[in-house]
Amino acid sequence: MTVTRLYRQSKLAAIVAEESLLRRIRRVLPVTGPLSWSVKYPVYKILVALPELHNELLMALRASQHDLFGDVPAQVSLDLVSSLEVTQDVIAHDELLKALRNRK
């Protein structure tokens, strides 16, 4: 099942409950940079609700910042990054927030 389908079915918690699905999303999410913004934004917005994926979301948003095809609009990215509670690479989180604030 896709993230958006689970969300529509109010089964977002299934991502965390099903270890294999969570593991798969953790592997794929950081390499979503080249996808177009219209494809990845709805998924990013949904996954912000799952703190278990905030570290991977940070990696994905960092990778998307200067990607020609999937570049993230600064304000939207700032909103997403601001809502993340990362436990790893806190310095990268703070640096990205600072860079996004300067881009606005």
PDB file of N, CA and C in Angstrom:
ATOM      1  N   MET A   1       0.830  -1.180   0.000  1.00  0.00           N
ATOM      2  CA  MET A   1       0.000   0.000   0.000  1.00  0.00           C
ATOM      3  C   MET A   1       0.879   1.251   0.000  1.00  0.00           C
ATOM      4  N   THR A   2       0.413   2.264  -0.652  1.00  0.00           N
ATOM      5  CA  THR A   2       1.154   3.516  -0.685  1.00  0.00           C
ATOM      6  C   THR A   2       0.845   4.365   0.539  1.00  0.00           C
ATOM      7  N   VAL A   3       1.730   5.324   0.794  1.00  0.00           N
ATOM      8  CA  VAL A   3       1.542   6.227   1.928  1.00  0.00           C
ATOM      9  C   VAL A   3       0.232   6.990   1.789  1.00  0.00           C
ATOM     10  N   THR A   4      -0.034   7.509   0.599  1.00  0.00           N
ATOM     11  CA  THR A   4      -1.257   8.295   0.424  1.00  0.00           C
ATOM     12  C   THR A   4      -2.508   7.439   0.597  1.00  0.00           C
ATOM     13  N   ARG A   5      -2.458   6.201   0.159  1.00  0.00           N
ATOM     14  CA  ARG A   5      -3.623   5.322   0.329  1.00  0.00           C
ATOM     15  C   ARG A   5      -3.846   5.025   1.812  1.00  0.00           C
ATOM     16  N   LEU A   6      -2.772   4.743   2.540  1.00  0.00           N
ATOM     17  CA  LEU A   6      -2.908   4.512   3.979  1.00  0.00           C
ATOM     18  C   LEU A   6      -3.468   5.746   4.674  1.00  0.00           C
ATOM     19  N   TYR A   7      -3.033   6.904   4.242  1.00  0.00           N
ATOM     20  CA  TYR A   7      -3.515   8.155   4.830  1.00  0.00           C
ATOM     21  C   TYR A   7      -5.010   8.322   4.574  1.00  0.00           C
ATOM     22  N   ARG A   8      -5.422   8.115   3.327  1.00  0.00           N
ATOM     23  CA  ARG A   8      -6.842   8.256   2.989  1.00  0.00           C
ATOM     24  C   ARG A   8      -7.708   7.273   3.771  1.00  0.00           C
ATOM     25  N   GLN A   9      -7.154   6.108   4.088  1.00  0.00           N
ATOM     26  CA  GLN A   9      -7.901   5.093   4.825  1.00  0.00           C
ATOM     27  C   GLN A   9      -7.736   5.245   6.338  1.00  0.00           C
ATOM     28  N   SER A  10      -7.125   6.347   6.761  1.00  0.00           N
ATOM     29  CA  SER A  10      -6.873   6.598   8.189  1.00  0.00           C
ATOM     30  C   SER A  10      -6.085   5.466   8.835  1.00  0.00           C
ATOM     31  N   LYS A  11      -5.134   4.926   8.080  1.00  0.00           N
ATOM     32  CA  LYS A  11      -4.314   3.823   8.574  1.00  0.00           C
ATOM     33  C   LYS A  11      -2.834   4.195   8.583  1.00  0.00           C
ATOM     34  N   LEU A  12      -2.540   5.456   8.783  1.00  0.00           N
ATOM     35  CA  LEU A  12      -1.163   5.911   8.773  1.00  0.00           C
ATOM     36  C   LEU A  12      -0.318   5.209   9.837  1.00  0.00           C
ATOM     37  N   ALA A  13      -0.914   4.863  10.942  1.00  0.00           N
ATOM     38  CA  ALA A  13      -0.187   4.160  12.002  1.00  0.00           C
ATOM     39  C   ALA A  13       0.315   2.797  11.535  1.00  0.00           C
ATOM     40  N   ALA A  14      -0.278   2.277  10.471  1.00  0.00           N
ATOM     41  CA  ALA A  14       0.165   0.985   9.942  1.00  0.00           C
ATOM     42  C   ALA A  14       1.605   1.044   9.441  1.00  0.00           C
ATOM     43  N   ILE A  15       2.046   2.213   9.042  1.00  0.00           N
ATOM     44  CA  ILE A  15       3.423   2.364   8.569  1.00  0.00           C
ATOM     45  C   ILE A  15       4.388   2.044   9.701  1.00  0.00           C
ATOM     46  N   VAL A  16       4.107   2.560  10.870  1.00  0.00           N
ATOM     47  CA  VAL A  16       4.972   2.334  12.024  1.00  0.00           C
ATOM     48  C   VAL A  16       4.798   0.914  12.544  1.00  0.00           C
ATOM     49  N   ALA A  17       3.591   0.399  12.495  1.00  0.00           N
ATOM     50  CA  ALA A  17       3.310  -0.936  13.016  1.00  0.00           C
ATOM     51  C   ALA A  17       3.940  -2.031  12.161  1.00  0.00           C
ATOM     52  N   GLU A  18       4.022  -1.802  10.881  1.00  0.00           N
ATOM     53  CA  GLU A  18       4.566  -2.827   9.975  1.00  0.00           C
ATOM     54  C   GLU A  18       6.044  -2.526   9.719  1.00  0.00           C
ATOM     55  N   GLU A  19       6.904  -3.254  10.398  1.00  0.00           N
ATOM     56  CA  GLU A  19       8.342  -3.000  10.368  1.00  0.00           C
ATOM     57  C   GLU A  19       8.920  -3.022   8.953  1.00  0.00           C
ATOM     58  N   SER A  20       8.471  -3.934   8.111  1.00  0.00           N
ATOM     59  CA  SER A  20       9.029  -4.015   6.755  1.00  0.00           C
ATOM     60  C   SER A  20       8.667  -2.773   5.935  1.00  0.00           C
ATOM     61  N   LEU A  21       7.471  -2.266   6.100  1.00  0.00           N
ATOM     62  CA  LEU A  21       7.056  -1.050   5.398  1.00  0.00           C
ATOM     63  C   LEU A  21       7.837   0.153   5.916  1.00  0.00           C
ATOM     64  N   LEU A  22       7.993   0.267   7.215  1.00  0.00           N
ATOM     65  CA  LEU A  22       8.759   1.357   7.809  1.00  0.00           C
ATOM     66  C   LEU A  22      10.208   1.320   7.324  1.00  0.00           C
ATOM     67  N   ARG A  23      10.789   0.143   7.299  1.00  0.00           N
ATOM     68  CA  ARG A  23      12.166  -0.023   6.826  1.00  0.00           C
ATOM     69  C   ARG A  23      12.298   0.396   5.352  1.00  0.00           C
ATOM     70  N   ARG A  24      11.339   0.004   4.544  1.00  0.00           N
ATOM     71  CA  ARG A  24      11.358   0.351   3.116  1.00  0.00           C
ATOM     72  C   ARG A  24      11.265   1.863   2.920  1.00  0.00           C
ATOM     73  N   ILE A  25      10.375   2.506   3.649  1.00  0.00           N
ATOM     74  CA  ILE A  25      10.218   3.960   3.542  1.00  0.00           C
ATOM     75  C   ILE A  25      11.487   4.657   4.012  1.00  0.00           C
ATOM     76  N   ARG A  26      12.098   4.139   5.073  1.00  0.00           N
ATOM     77  CA  ARG A  26      13.350   4.738   5.567  1.00  0.00           C
ATOM     78  C   ARG A  26      14.462   4.662   4.526  1.00  0.00           C
ATOM     79  N   ARG A  27      14.464   3.610   3.733  1.00  0.00           N
ATOM     80  CA  ARG A  27      15.493   3.482   2.683  1.00  0.00           C
ATOM     81  C   ARG A  27      15.197   4.365   1.479  1.00  0.00           C
ATOM     82  N   VAL A  28      13.960   4.494   1.113  1.00  0.00           N
ATOM     83  CA  VAL A  28      13.577   5.200  -0.111  1.00  0.00           C
ATOM     84  C   VAL A  28      13.495   6.718   0.085  1.00  0.00           C
ATOM     85  N   LEU A  29      12.979   7.141   1.194  1.00  0.00           N
ATOM     86  CA  LEU A  29      12.718   8.560   1.431  1.00  0.00           C
ATOM     87  C   LEU A  29      13.930   9.464   1.198  1.00  0.00           C
ATOM     88  N   PRO A  30      15.122   9.140   1.700  1.00  0.00           N
ATOM     89  CA  PRO A  30      16.263  10.038   1.500  1.00  0.00           C
ATOM     90  C   PRO A  30      16.701  10.213   0.043  1.00  0.00           C
ATOM     91  N   VAL A  31      16.265   9.337  -0.845  1.00  0.00           N
ATOM     92  CA  VAL A  31      16.681   9.454  -2.250  1.00  0.00           C
ATOM     93  C   VAL A  31      15.550   9.934  -3.153  1.00  0.00           C
ATOM     94  N   THR A  32      14.573  10.619  -2.579  1.00  0.00           N
ATOM     95  CA  THR A  32      13.445  11.123  -3.369  1.00  0.00           C
ATOM     96  C   THR A  32      13.707  12.511  -3.951  1.00  0.00           C
ATOM     97  N   GLY A  33      14.878  13.051  -3.740  1.00  0.00           N
ATOM     98  CA  GLY A  33      15.218  14.385  -4.229  1.00  0.00           C
ATOM     99  C   GLY A  33      14.859  14.637  -5.681  1.00  0.00           C
ATOM    100  N   PRO A  34      15.226  13.733  -6.603  1.00  0.00           N
ATOM    101  CA  PRO A  34      14.961  13.996  -8.023  1.00  0.00           C
ATOM    102  C   PRO A  34      13.495  13.912  -8.458  1.00  0.00           C
ATOM    103  N   LEU A  35      12.607  13.437  -7.604  1.00  0.00           N
ATOM    104  CA  LEU A  35      11.195  13.396  -7.983  1.00  0.00           C
ATOM    105  C   LEU A  35      10.641  14.809  -8.051  1.00  0.00           C
ATOM    106  N   SER A  36       9.653  15.003  -8.893  1.00  0.00           N
ATOM    107  CA  SER A  36       9.067  16.345  -8.991  1.00  0.00           C
ATOM    108  C   SER A  36       8.386  16.698  -7.676  1.00  0.00           C
ATOM    109  N   TRP A  37       8.363  17.982  -7.384  1.00  0.00           N
ATOM    110  CA  TRP A  37       7.789  18.479  -6.141  1.00  0.00           C
ATOM    111  C   TRP A  37       6.330  18.072  -6.007  1.00  0.00           C
ATOM    112  N   SER A  38       5.595  18.089  -7.102  1.00  0.00           N
ATOM    113  CA  SER A  38       4.166  17.745  -7.052  1.00  0.00           C
ATOM    114  C   SER A  38       3.940  16.287  -6.647  1.00  0.00           C
ATOM    115  N   VAL A  39       4.924  15.444  -6.866  1.00  0.00           N
ATOM    116  CA  VAL A  39       4.818  14.031  -6.485  1.00  0.00           C
ATOM    117  C   VAL A  39       5.213  13.833  -5.028  1.00  0.00           C
ATOM    118  N   LYS A  40       6.322  14.446  -4.631  1.00  0.00           N
ATOM    119  CA  LYS A  40       6.842  14.153  -3.297  1.00  0.00           C
ATOM    120  C   LYS A  40       6.218  15.002  -2.181  1.00  0.00           C
ATOM    121  N   TYR A  41       5.753  16.196  -2.475  1.00  0.00           N
ATOM    122  CA  TYR A  41       5.211  17.047  -1.409  1.00  0.00           C
ATOM    123  C   TYR A  41       4.045  16.409  -0.656  1.00  0.00           C
ATOM    124  N   PRO A  42       3.050  15.840  -1.334  1.00  0.00           N
ATOM    125  CA  PRO A  42       1.943  15.238  -0.574  1.00  0.00           C
ATOM    126  C   PRO A  42       2.424  14.131   0.374  1.00  0.00           C
ATOM    127  N   VAL A  43       3.416  13.376  -0.055  1.00  0.00           N
ATOM    128  CA  VAL A  43       3.943  12.305   0.793  1.00  0.00           C
ATOM    129  C   VAL A  43       4.716  12.895   1.964  1.00  0.00           C
ATOM    130  N   TYR A  44       5.565  13.873   1.689  1.00  0.00           N
ATOM    131  CA  TYR A  44       6.312  14.531   2.768  1.00  0.00           C
ATOM    132  C   TYR A  44       5.354  15.103   3.806  1.00  0.00           C
ATOM    133  N   LYS A  45       4.317  15.759   3.329  1.00  0.00           N
ATOM    134  CA  LYS A  45       3.354  16.413   4.238  1.00  0.00           C
ATOM    135  C   LYS A  45       2.650  15.381   5.122  1.00  0.00           C
ATOM    136  N   ILE A  46       2.343  14.244   4.557  1.00  0.00           N
ATOM    137  CA  ILE A  46       1.704  13.169   5.329  1.00  0.00           C
ATOM    138  C   ILE A  46       2.682  12.595   6.353  1.00  0.00           C
ATOM    139  N   LEU A  47       3.910  12.347   5.923  1.00  0.00           N
ATOM    140  CA  LEU A  47       4.880  11.680   6.791  1.00  0.00           C
ATOM    141  C   LEU A  47       5.386  12.549   7.932  1.00  0.00           C
ATOM    142  N   VAL A  48       5.169  13.858   7.852  1.00  0.00           N
ATOM    143  CA  VAL A  48       5.531  14.731   8.972  1.00  0.00           C
ATOM    144  C   VAL A  48       4.795  14.290  10.242  1.00  0.00           C
ATOM    145  N   ALA A  49       3.658  13.659  10.088  1.00  0.00           N
ATOM    146  CA  ALA A  49       2.872  13.194  11.242  1.00  0.00           C
ATOM    147  C   ALA A  49       3.513  12.008  11.952  1.00  0.00           C
ATOM    148  N   LEU A  50       4.569  11.436  11.354  1.00  0.00           N
ATOM    149  CA  LEU A  50       5.218  10.271  11.955  1.00  0.00           C
ATOM    150  C   LEU A  50       6.631  10.626  12.401  1.00  0.00           C
ATOM    151  N   PRO A  51       6.815  10.936  13.675  1.00  0.00           N
ATOM    152  CA  PRO A  51       8.146  11.301  14.173  1.00  0.00           C
ATOM    153  C   PRO A  51       9.210  10.244  13.883  1.00  0.00           C
ATOM    154  N   GLU A  52       8.790   9.000  13.736  1.00  0.00           N
ATOM    155  CA  GLU A  52       9.729   7.920  13.442  1.00  0.00           C
ATOM    156  C   GLU A  52      10.449   8.124  12.109  1.00  0.00           C
ATOM    157  N   LEU A  53       9.901   8.989  11.243  1.00  0.00           N
ATOM    158  CA  LEU A  53      10.487   9.221   9.922  1.00  0.00           C
ATOM    159  C   LEU A  53      11.070  10.626   9.769  1.00  0.00           C
ATOM    160  N   HIS A  54      11.128  11.392  10.825  1.00  0.00           N
ATOM    161  CA  HIS A  54      11.623  12.767  10.724  1.00  0.00           C
ATOM    162  C   HIS A  54      13.079  12.842  10.288  1.00  0.00           C
ATOM    163  N   ASN A  55      13.924  11.934  10.744  1.00  0.00           N
ATOM    164  CA  ASN A  55      15.323  11.966  10.313  1.00  0.00           C
ATOM    165  C   ASN A  55      15.440  11.740   8.808  1.00  0.00           C
ATOM    166  N   GLU A  56      14.670  10.803   8.295  1.00  0.00           N
ATOM    167  CA  GLU A  56      14.702  10.516   6.864  1.00  0.00           C
ATOM    168  C   GLU A  56      14.085  11.656   6.056  1.00  0.00           C
ATOM    169  N   LEU A  57      13.050  12.273   6.598  1.00  0.00           N
ATOM    170  CA  LEU A  57      12.456  13.434   5.930  1.00  0.00           C
ATOM    171  C   LEU A  57      13.461  14.581   5.837  1.00  0.00           C
ATOM    172  N   LEU A  58      14.233  14.770   6.887  1.00  0.00           N
ATOM    173  CA  LEU A  58      15.267  15.802   6.843  1.00  0.00           C
ATOM    174  C   LEU A  58      16.261  15.513   5.719  1.00  0.00           C
ATOM    175  N   MET A  59      16.688  14.259   5.610  1.00  0.00           N
ATOM    176  CA  MET A  59      17.626  13.897   4.531  1.00  0.00           C
ATOM    177  C   MET A  59      17.001  14.152   3.164  1.00  0.00           C
ATOM    178  N   ALA A  60      15.725  13.817   3.029  1.00  0.00           N
ATOM    179  CA  ALA A  60      15.038  14.022   1.751  1.00  0.00           C
ATOM    180  C   ALA A  60      14.933  15.508   1.414  1.00  0.00           C
ATOM    181  N   LEU A  61      14.589  16.310   2.387  1.00  0.00           N
ATOM    182  CA  LEU A  61      14.453  17.751   2.154  1.00  0.00           C
ATOM    183  C   LEU A  61      15.810  18.393   1.867  1.00  0.00           C
ATOM    184  N   ARG A  62      16.842  17.945   2.533  1.00  0.00           N
ATOM    185  CA  ARG A  62      18.190  18.471   2.237  1.00  0.00           C
ATOM    186  C   ARG A  62      18.585  18.127   0.804  1.00  0.00           C
ATOM    187  N   ALA A  63      18.301  16.902   0.390  1.00  0.00           N
ATOM    188  CA  ALA A  63      18.653  16.468  -0.965  1.00  0.00           C
ATOM    189  C   ALA A  63      17.847  17.205  -2.025  1.00  0.00           C
ATOM    190  N   SER A  64      16.684  17.688  -1.654  1.00  0.00           N
ATOM    191  CA  SER A  64      15.798  18.352  -2.613  1.00  0.00           C
ATOM    192  C   SER A  64      16.086  19.838  -2.794  1.00  0.00           C
ATOM    193  N   GLN A  65      16.892  20.417  -1.950  1.00  0.00           N
ATOM    194  CA  GLN A  65      17.053  21.865  -1.949  1.00  0.00           C
ATOM    195  C   GLN A  65      17.573  22.441  -3.255  1.00  0.00           C
ATOM    196  N   HIS A  66      18.453  21.753  -3.923  1.00  0.00           N
ATOM    197  CA  HIS A  66      19.022  22.312  -5.141  1.00  0.00           C
ATOM    198  C   HIS A  66      18.921  21.357  -6.316  1.00  0.00           C
ATOM    199  N   ASP A  67      18.001  20.444  -6.242  1.00  0.00           N
ATOM    200  CA  ASP A  67      17.791  19.510  -7.330  1.00  0.00           C
ATOM    201  C   ASP A  67      17.020  20.232  -8.430  1.00  0.00           C
ATOM    202  N   LEU A  68      17.497  20.180  -9.642  1.00  0.00           N
ATOM    203  CA  LEU A  68      16.871  20.935 -10.729  1.00  0.00           C
ATOM    204  C   LEU A  68      15.445  20.495 -11.011  1.00  0.00           C
ATOM    205  N   PHE A  69      15.183  19.210 -10.907  1.00  0.00           N
ATOM    206  CA  PHE A  69      13.857  18.711 -11.245  1.00  0.00           C
ATOM    207  C   PHE A  69      12.913  18.763 -10.054  1.00  0.00           C
ATOM    208  N   GLY A  70      13.442  18.477  -8.841  1.00  0.00           N
ATOM    209  CA  GLY A  70      12.562  18.373  -7.687  1.00  0.00           C
ATOM    210  C   GLY A  70      12.799  19.434  -6.641  1.00  0.00           C
ATOM    211  N   ASP A  71      13.293  20.592  -7.058  1.00  0.00           N
ATOM    212  CA  ASP A  71      13.614  21.665  -6.118  1.00  0.00           C
ATOM    213  C   ASP A  71      12.394  22.024  -5.274  1.00  0.00           C
ATOM    214  N   VAL A  72      12.638  22.226  -3.985  1.00  0.00           N
ATOM    215  CA  VAL A  72      11.570  22.505  -3.030  1.00  0.00           C
ATOM    216  C   VAL A  72      11.410  24.007  -2.857  1.00  0.00           C
ATOM    217  N   PRO A  73      10.197  24.537  -2.961  1.00  0.00           N
ATOM    218  CA  PRO A  73       9.987  25.956  -2.677  1.00  0.00           C
ATOM    219  C   PRO A  73      10.437  26.281  -1.244  1.00  0.00           C
ATOM    220  N   ALA A  74      11.144  27.374  -1.064  1.00  0.00           N
ATOM    221  CA  ALA A  74      11.766  27.703   0.223  1.00  0.00           C
ATOM    222  C   ALA A  74      10.769  27.771   1.380  1.00  0.00           C
ATOM    223  N   GLN A  75       9.665  28.479   1.218  1.00  0.00           N
ATOM    224  CA  GLN A  75       8.722  28.629   2.330  1.00  0.00           C
ATOM    225  C   GLN A  75       8.083  27.298   2.710  1.00  0.00           C
ATOM    226  N   VAL A  76       7.721  26.515   1.730  1.00  0.00           N
ATOM    227  CA  VAL A  76       7.102  25.222   2.010  1.00  0.00           C
ATOM    228  C   VAL A  76       8.107  24.307   2.701  1.00  0.00           C
ATOM    229  N   SER A  77       9.328  24.318   2.207  1.00  0.00           N
ATOM    230  CA  SER A  77      10.371  23.515   2.826  1.00  0.00           C
ATOM    231  C   SER A  77      10.630  23.979   4.257  1.00  0.00           C
ATOM    232  N   LEU A  78      10.659  25.270   4.460  1.00  0.00           N
ATOM    233  CA  LEU A  78      10.868  25.820   5.802  1.00  0.00           C
ATOM    234  C   LEU A  78       9.767  25.345   6.749  1.00  0.00           C
ATOM    235  N   ASP A  79       8.542  25.361   6.282  1.00  0.00           N
ATOM    236  CA  ASP A  79       7.426  24.894   7.103  1.00  0.00           C
ATOM    237  C   ASP A  79       7.599  23.421   7.482  1.00  0.00           C
ATOM    238  N   LEU A  80       7.990  22.604   6.507  1.00  0.00           N
ATOM    239  CA  LEU A  80       8.181  21.180   6.773  1.00  0.00           C
ATOM    240  C   LEU A  80       9.349  20.950   7.730  1.00  0.00           C
ATOM    241  N   VAL A  81      10.484  21.568   7.436  1.00  0.00           N
ATOM    242  CA  VAL A  81      11.679  21.368   8.263  1.00  0.00           C
ATOM    243  C   VAL A  81      11.438  21.872   9.683  1.00  0.00           C
ATOM    244  N   SER A  82      10.712  22.960   9.827  1.00  0.00           N
ATOM    245  CA  SER A  82      10.420  23.510  11.153  1.00  0.00           C
ATOM    246  C   SER A  82       9.591  22.558  11.999  1.00  0.00           C
ATOM    247  N   SER A  83       8.812  21.724  11.360  1.00  0.00           N
ATOM    248  CA  SER A  83       7.949  20.809  12.108  1.00  0.00           C
ATOM    249  C   SER A  83       8.630  19.481  12.453  1.00  0.00           C
ATOM    250  N   LEU A  84       9.852  19.279  11.970  1.00  0.00           N
ATOM    251  CA  LEU A  84      10.554  18.024  12.239  1.00  0.00           C
ATOM    252  C   LEU A  84      11.219  18.033  13.606  1.00  0.00           C
ATOM    253  N   GLU A  85      11.136  16.920  14.274  1.00  0.00           N
ATOM    254  CA  GLU A  85      11.841  16.710  15.537  1.00  0.00           C
ATOM    255  C   GLU A  85      12.892  15.635  15.281  1.00  0.00           C
ATOM    256  N   VAL A  86      14.063  16.057  14.854  1.00  0.00           N
ATOM    257  CA  VAL A  86      15.101  15.097  14.499  1.00  0.00           C
ATOM    258  C   VAL A  86      15.898  14.675  15.724  1.00  0.00           C
ATOM    259  N   THR A  87      16.332  13.436  15.690  1.00  0.00           N
ATOM    260  CA  THR A  87      17.165  12.912  16.773  1.00  0.00           C
ATOM    261  C   THR A  87      18.589  12.680  16.289  1.00  0.00           C
ATOM    262  N   GLN A  88      18.752  12.667  14.981  1.00  0.00           N
ATOM    263  CA  GLN A  88      20.066  12.498  14.379  1.00  0.00           C
ATOM    264  C   GLN A  88      20.368  13.743  13.563  1.00  0.00           C
ATOM    265  N   ASP A  89      21.622  14.073  13.471  1.00  0.00           N
ATOM    266  CA  ASP A  89      22.069  15.178  12.626  1.00  0.00           C
ATOM    267  C   ASP A  89      21.312  16.483  12.904  1.00  0.00           C
ATOM    268  N   VAL A  90      21.245  16.830  14.164  1.00  0.00           N
ATOM    269  CA  VAL A  90      20.564  18.051  14.588  1.00  0.00           C
ATOM    270  C   VAL A  90      21.251  19.283  13.986  1.00  0.00           C
ATOM    271  N   ILE A  91      22.558  19.216  13.829  1.00  0.00           N
ATOM    272  CA  ILE A  91      23.295  20.335  13.231  1.00  0.00           C
ATOM    273  C   ILE A  91      22.830  20.564  11.800  1.00  0.00           C
ATOM    274  N   ALA A  92      22.654  19.498  11.032  1.00  0.00           N
ATOM    275  CA  ALA A  92      22.171  19.634   9.655  1.00  0.00           C
ATOM    276  C   ALA A  92      20.769  20.242   9.646  1.00  0.00           C
ATOM    277  N   HIS A  93      19.958  19.875  10.588  1.00  0.00           N
ATOM    278  CA  HIS A  93      18.606  20.421  10.696  1.00  0.00           C
ATOM    279  C   HIS A  93      18.671  21.928  10.917  1.00  0.00           C
ATOM    280  N   ASP A  94      19.492  22.337  11.873  1.00  0.00           N
ATOM    281  CA  ASP A  94      19.614  23.762  12.177  1.00  0.00           C
ATOM    282  C   ASP A  94      20.212  24.548  11.013  1.00  0.00           C
ATOM    283  N   GLU A  95      21.195  23.956  10.334  1.00  0.00           N
ATOM    284  CA  GLU A  95      21.810  24.626   9.180  1.00  0.00           C
ATOM    285  C   GLU A  95      20.811  24.783   8.040  1.00  0.00           C
ATOM    286  N   LEU A  96      19.997  23.755   7.814  1.00  0.00           N
ATOM    287  CA  LEU A  96      18.991  23.832   6.759  1.00  0.00           C
ATOM    288  C   LEU A  96      17.944  24.893   7.101  1.00  0.00           C
ATOM    289  N   LEU A  97      17.518  24.946   8.345  1.00  0.00           N
ATOM    290  CA  LEU A  97      16.568  25.989   8.755  1.00  0.00           C
ATOM    291  C   LEU A  97      17.146  27.378   8.496  1.00  0.00           C
ATOM    292  N   LYS A  98      18.387  27.586   8.854  1.00  0.00           N
ATOM    293  CA  LYS A  98      19.040  28.874   8.654  1.00  0.00           C
ATOM    294  C   LYS A  98      19.120  29.214   7.170  1.00  0.00           C
ATOM    295  N   ALA A  99      19.516  28.253   6.348  1.00  0.00           N
ATOM    296  CA  ALA A  99      19.622  28.483   4.910  1.00  0.00           C
ATOM    297  C   ALA A  99      18.266  28.800   4.300  1.00  0.00           C
ATOM    298  N   LEU A 100      17.228  28.112   4.732  1.00  0.00           N
ATOM    299  CA  LEU A 100      15.885  28.350   4.203  1.00  0.00           C
ATOM    300  C   LEU A 100      15.360  29.724   4.617  1.00  0.00           C
ATOM    301  N   ARG A 101      15.649  30.108   5.831  1.00  0.00           N
ATOM    302  CA  ARG A 101      15.235  31.458   6.269  1.00  0.00           C
ATOM    303  C   ARG A 101      15.912  32.541   5.459  1.00  0.00           C
ATOM    304  N   ASN A 102      17.142  32.296   5.065  1.00  0.00           N
ATOM    305  CA  ASN A 102      17.877  33.271   4.238  1.00  0.00           C
ATOM    306  C   ASN A 102      17.398  33.274   2.792  1.00  0.00           C
ATOM    307  N   ARG A 103      16.790  32.183   2.318  1.00  0.00           N
ATOM    308  CA  ARG A 103      16.302  32.086   0.939  1.00  0.00           C
ATOM    309  C   ARG A 103      14.988  32.801   0.724  1.00  0.00           C
ATOM    310  N   LYS A 104      14.216  32.975   1.780  1.00  0.00           N
ATOM    311  CA  LYS A 104      12.866  33.541   1.659  1.00  0.00           C
ATOM    312  C   LYS A 104      12.865  34.905   1.017  1.00  0.00           C
TER     313      LYS A 104
END
